[in-house]
Amino acid sequence: MFVEIITPDRKVFSAEASVVTLPGVNGSFQILNDHAAIVSTLAKGELTADKEVFQIEGGVVEVLNNRVLVLAEGVN
């Protein structure tokens, strides 16, 4: 699936990944290929896309048609 991580001022990451782990407000969760469409809020925490690791400051994720779009408030 194609993963993009975007902040208000820049594109942080854009690549294919087989699994994405996200810090949801009610706990972390994973997105795999062919996941159902979902929109969820994200908490501050660790986001992983395969072996890439990012610390995000919260935000929103949209999953649709094997595309994961993360709109993060900030990435450290």
Protein backbone atom coordinates (compact mmCIF):
# COMPACT_ATOMS: atom_id res chain seq x y z
CA MET A 1 0.00 0.00 0.00
CA PHE A 2 1.10 3.58 -0.55
CA VAL A 3 1.80 5.63 2.60
CA GLU A 4 2.12 9.42 2.87
CA ILE A 5 2.87 11.41 6.01
CA ILE A 6 2.21 15.12 5.68
CA THR A 7 2.53 18.00 8.16
CA PRO A 8 1.19 21.53 7.65
CA ASP A 9 4.56 22.66 6.27
CA ARG A 10 6.08 19.64 4.47
CA LYS A 11 5.77 16.10 3.14
CA VAL A 12 7.67 13.88 5.59
CA PHE A 13 7.36 10.42 4.00
CA SER A 14 6.02 8.94 0.79
CA ALA A 15 6.60 5.26 -0.09
CA GLU A 16 5.16 1.78 -0.32
CA ALA A 17 4.78 -0.21 2.93
CA SER A 18 3.27 -3.56 3.86
CA VAL A 19 2.26 -2.61 7.41
CA VAL A 20 1.68 0.70 9.21
CA THR A 21 1.37 0.97 13.00
CA LEU A 22 -0.34 4.11 14.29
CA PRO A 23 -0.86 5.69 17.74
CA GLY A 24 -4.65 5.92 18.00
CA VAL A 25 -6.28 7.94 20.78
CA ASN A 26 -7.58 4.65 22.27
CA GLY A 27 -4.37 2.68 21.69
CA SER A 28 -2.15 1.73 18.80
CA PHE A 29 -3.48 -0.11 15.74
CA GLN A 30 -2.15 -1.53 12.48
CA ILE A 31 -3.14 -1.10 8.86
CA LEU A 32 -2.37 -3.92 6.41
CA ASN A 33 -2.92 -4.27 2.65
CA ASP A 34 -6.61 -4.30 1.61
CA HIS A 35 -7.73 -2.75 4.92
CA ALA A 36 -11.28 -1.42 5.02
CA ALA A 37 -11.74 2.31 4.57
CA ILE A 38 -11.24 4.19 7.83
CA VAL A 39 -10.74 7.69 9.19
CA SER A 40 -9.32 7.99 12.71
CA THR A 41 -7.76 10.57 15.01
CA LEU A 42 -4.20 9.98 16.17
CA ALA A 43 -2.51 10.68 19.47
CA LYS A 44 1.06 11.76 20.11
CA GLY A 45 3.30 8.73 19.71
CA GLU A 46 5.24 6.40 17.44
CA LEU A 47 4.21 5.72 13.85
CA THR A 48 5.98 2.94 11.95
CA ALA A 49 5.80 2.17 8.23
CA ASP A 50 7.68 -1.10 7.72
CA LYS A 51 11.09 -0.25 9.26
CA GLU A 52 10.73 3.56 9.17
CA VAL A 53 9.89 5.09 12.57
CA PHE A 54 8.45 8.58 13.20
CA GLN A 55 7.38 10.40 16.35
CA ILE A 56 4.18 12.31 15.56
CA GLU A 57 2.40 14.99 17.56
CA GLY A 58 -1.10 13.70 16.80
CA GLY A 59 -3.30 14.15 13.76
CA VAL A 60 -5.66 12.22 11.49
CA VAL A 61 -5.29 9.15 9.26
CA GLU A 62 -7.39 8.23 6.23
CA VAL A 63 -7.19 4.74 4.69
CA LEU A 64 -8.85 4.20 1.31
CA ASN A 65 -8.06 1.83 -1.59
CA ASN A 66 -4.63 0.73 -0.28
CA ARG A 67 -3.57 4.33 0.33
CA VAL A 68 -2.75 5.56 3.83
CA LEU A 69 -2.69 9.34 4.27
CA VAL A 70 -1.47 10.65 7.63
CA LEU A 71 -2.06 14.33 8.32
CA ALA A 72 0.20 14.89 11.33
CA GLU A 73 0.29 18.03 13.46
CA GLY A 74 4.07 17.65 13.64
CA VAL A 75 6.82 15.06 13.26
CA ASN A 76 10.00 14.91 15.35
